Amino acid sequence: MDELDFDLAVLERRLHQARQNAVQAELAAAGLQEIGHPMLLCMLGLAGRRPEAPLRTQRELAQILNVSPAAVTASLRSLERKGYLLRETGRGDARCNQVRLTDKGRQAVDACMDCLARVSRRMYAGISPQELEAVRGLYLRMLEALSPQPSGDGAPSK
């Protein structure tokens, strides 16, 4: 690894951690420090509000959030214990749980969305819409480059 690669790796880590710290500080200020995974809660809330955003399986949520299905299960279990959602056995398939937000959960979604928006506004302050679009494009390209892509020999393709 050359020096530029290392510097970029350190910056990526610092940015990720700074954003996580800012989100946690916003959640704490809103009295929501017990929510371990605000993005998961927000995804569930948005899916419940928009027919074009159907509720997803735990596996799909894990893929979108880039975490393990077990992590999604643990987060859902924690949110259920804290009264933010209810999980009910799906009709016709005992393996498929339906997730329903409680009133407390719906209120928390709105508060979490506000917290995430405040952090994003701070993070992207002073960056033009054109620069934001360029950043979005770079993020998408980087995610694509890091996604597992099967090749003929079983090794990830480059």
Protein backbone atom coordinates (compact mmCIF):
# COMPACT_ATOMS: atom_id res chain seq x y z
CA MET A 1 0.00 0.00 0.00
CA ASP A 2 1.48 3.31 -0.97
CA GLU A 3 1.21 6.49 1.09
CA LEU A 4 -1.73 7.94 -0.88
CA ASP A 5 -3.71 4.70 -0.49
CA PHE A 6 -3.03 4.72 3.23
CA ASP A 7 -3.99 8.39 3.57
CA LEU A 8 -7.26 7.71 1.75
CA ALA A 9 -7.97 4.70 3.98
CA VAL A 10 -7.41 6.83 7.09
CA LEU A 11 -9.66 9.60 5.72
CA GLU A 12 -12.41 7.09 4.87
CA ARG A 13 -12.25 5.69 8.40
CA ARG A 14 -12.25 9.14 9.98
CA LEU A 15 -15.23 10.26 7.87
CA HIS A 16 -17.19 7.11 8.68
CA GLN A 17 -16.49 7.44 12.41
CA ALA A 18 -17.20 11.19 12.46
CA ARG A 19 -20.56 10.60 10.79
CA GLN A 20 -21.42 7.77 13.19
CA ASN A 21 -20.49 9.97 16.17
CA ALA A 22 -22.58 12.87 14.82
CA VAL A 23 -25.60 10.58 14.28
CA GLN A 24 -25.26 9.15 17.80
CA ALA A 25 -25.00 12.67 19.27
CA GLU A 26 -28.14 13.76 17.40
CA LEU A 27 -30.01 10.64 18.54
CA ALA A 28 -28.92 11.22 22.14
CA ALA A 29 -30.06 14.86 21.98
CA ALA A 30 -33.45 13.62 20.74
CA GLY A 31 -33.67 11.03 23.54
CA LEU A 32 -33.23 8.15 21.10
CA GLN A 33 -29.79 6.87 22.09
CA GLU A 34 -31.26 3.39 22.63
CA ILE A 35 -31.90 2.95 18.90
CA GLY A 36 -28.96 0.90 17.73
CA HIS A 37 -29.62 1.02 13.99
CA PRO A 38 -31.53 4.17 12.97
CA MET A 39 -31.21 3.42 9.24
CA LEU A 40 -33.01 0.10 9.72
CA LEU A 41 -35.83 1.76 11.65
CA CYS A 42 -36.12 4.48 8.99
CA MET A 43 -36.24 1.90 6.19
CA LEU A 44 -39.07 0.09 7.95
CA GLY A 45 -40.89 3.36 8.48
CA LEU A 46 -40.58 4.44 4.87
CA ALA A 47 -41.64 1.03 3.61
CA GLY A 48 -44.81 1.29 5.69
CA ARG A 49 -45.66 4.71 4.23
CA ARG A 50 -45.07 4.11 0.55
CA PRO A 51 -46.59 1.31 -1.50
CA GLU A 52 -43.67 1.53 -3.94
CA ALA A 53 -41.29 0.70 -1.05
CA PRO A 54 -42.55 -2.70 0.11
CA LEU A 55 -41.46 -4.21 3.40
CA ARG A 56 -38.37 -6.24 2.72
CA THR A 57 -37.14 -9.55 3.98
CA GLN A 58 -34.43 -9.60 6.62
CA ARG A 59 -32.00 -10.87 3.99
CA GLU A 60 -32.79 -7.94 1.67
CA LEU A 61 -32.45 -5.46 4.54
CA ALA A 62 -29.08 -7.01 5.38
CA GLN A 63 -27.90 -6.63 1.77
CA ILE A 64 -29.06 -3.01 1.52
CA LEU A 65 -27.43 -2.09 4.83
CA ASN A 66 -24.34 -4.23 4.15
CA VAL A 67 -24.66 -6.13 7.42
CA SER A 68 -25.28 -9.79 8.18
CA PRO A 69 -28.82 -11.18 8.35
CA ALA A 70 -28.03 -12.09 11.97
CA ALA A 71 -27.29 -8.40 12.70
CA VAL A 72 -30.67 -7.42 11.23
CA THR A 73 -32.36 -10.10 13.35
CA ALA A 74 -30.62 -8.85 16.49
CA SER A 75 -31.54 -5.22 15.71
CA LEU A 76 -35.18 -6.13 15.08
CA ARG A 77 -35.28 -8.13 18.30
CA SER A 78 -33.83 -5.17 20.23
CA LEU A 79 -36.28 -2.71 18.64
CA GLU A 80 -39.13 -5.07 19.50
CA ARG A 81 -38.02 -5.37 23.16
CA LYS A 82 -37.86 -1.57 23.40
CA GLY A 83 -41.39 -1.20 22.04
CA TYR A 84 -40.62 0.28 18.59
CA LEU A 85 -42.07 -2.58 16.56
CA LEU A 86 -44.03 -5.79 16.66
CA ARG A 87 -43.12 -8.95 14.78
CA GLU A 88 -45.96 -11.24 13.85
CA THR A 89 -45.90 -14.59 12.10
CA GLY A 90 -46.82 -14.13 8.45
CA ARG A 91 -50.01 -15.63 7.14
CA GLY A 92 -49.41 -18.99 5.52
CA ASP A 93 -45.68 -19.09 6.29
CA ALA A 94 -44.43 -19.38 9.87
CA ARG A 95 -40.89 -18.64 8.66
CA CYS A 96 -41.83 -15.17 7.42
CA ASN A 97 -42.35 -12.53 10.12
CA GLN A 98 -44.33 -9.40 9.41
CA VAL A 99 -42.87 -6.30 11.02
CA ARG A 100 -45.22 -3.56 12.15
CA LEU A 101 -44.14 -0.32 13.77
CA THR A 102 -45.85 0.72 16.98
CA ASP A 103 -46.90 4.33 17.62
CA LYS A 104 -43.60 4.75 19.47
CA GLY A 105 -41.78 3.34 16.43
CA ARG A 106 -43.53 5.68 13.98
CA GLN A 107 -42.63 8.68 16.14
CA ALA A 108 -39.05 7.45 16.38
CA VAL A 109 -38.83 7.10 12.59
CA ASP A 110 -39.70 10.78 12.17
CA ALA A 111 -37.19 11.80 14.85
CA CYS A 112 -34.46 9.55 13.37
CA MET A 113 -35.08 10.95 9.89
CA ASP A 114 -34.69 14.46 11.31
CA CYS A 115 -31.43 13.46 13.06
CA LEU A 116 -30.01 11.87 9.89
CA ALA A 117 -31.03 14.92 7.83
CA ARG A 118 -29.29 17.30 10.25
CA VAL A 119 -26.08 15.26 10.06
CA SER A 120 -26.25 15.12 6.25
CA ARG A 121 -26.82 18.88 6.02
CA ARG A 122 -23.76 19.47 8.20
CA MET A 123 -21.67 16.93 6.32
CA TYR A 124 -22.51 18.30 2.88
CA ALA A 125 -22.66 22.01 3.79
CA GLY A 126 -20.89 24.13 1.19
CA ILE A 127 -20.90 21.41 -1.45
CA SER A 128 -22.70 22.32 -4.66
CA PRO A 129 -25.47 20.17 -6.18
CA GLN A 130 -23.07 19.26 -9.01
CA GLU A 131 -20.42 18.17 -6.52
CA LEU A 132 -23.02 16.15 -4.60
CA GLU A 133 -24.00 14.37 -7.80
CA ALA A 134 -20.33 13.67 -8.49
CA VAL A 135 -19.86 12.31 -4.94
CA ARG A 136 -22.94 10.11 -5.37
CA GLY A 137 -21.51 8.76 -8.62
CA LEU A 138 -18.17 8.05 -6.97
CA TYR A 139 -19.87 6.25 -4.06
CA LEU A 140 -21.83 4.08 -6.49
CA ARG A 141 -18.70 3.23 -8.48
CA MET A 142 -16.79 2.35 -5.30
CA LEU A 143 -19.63 0.15 -4.05
CA GLU A 144 -19.75 -1.60 -7.40
CA ALA A 145 -15.99 -2.16 -7.31
CA LEU A 146 -16.23 -3.71 -3.84
CA SER A 147 -19.25 -5.90 -4.61
CA PRO A 148 -18.50 -9.58 -5.06
CA GLN A 149 -18.57 -10.33 -8.78
CA PRO A 150 -18.26 -13.92 -9.86
CA SER A 151 -15.81 -14.77 -12.58
CA GLY A 152 -15.27 -17.99 -14.46
CA ASP A 153 -12.47 -19.19 -12.16
CA GLY A 154 -14.22 -18.59 -8.84
CA ALA A 155 -12.09 -15.54 -8.02
CA PRO A 156 -13.58 -12.05 -7.85
CA SER A 157 -13.18 -10.24 -11.14
CA LYS A 158 -11.34 -6.93 -11.32
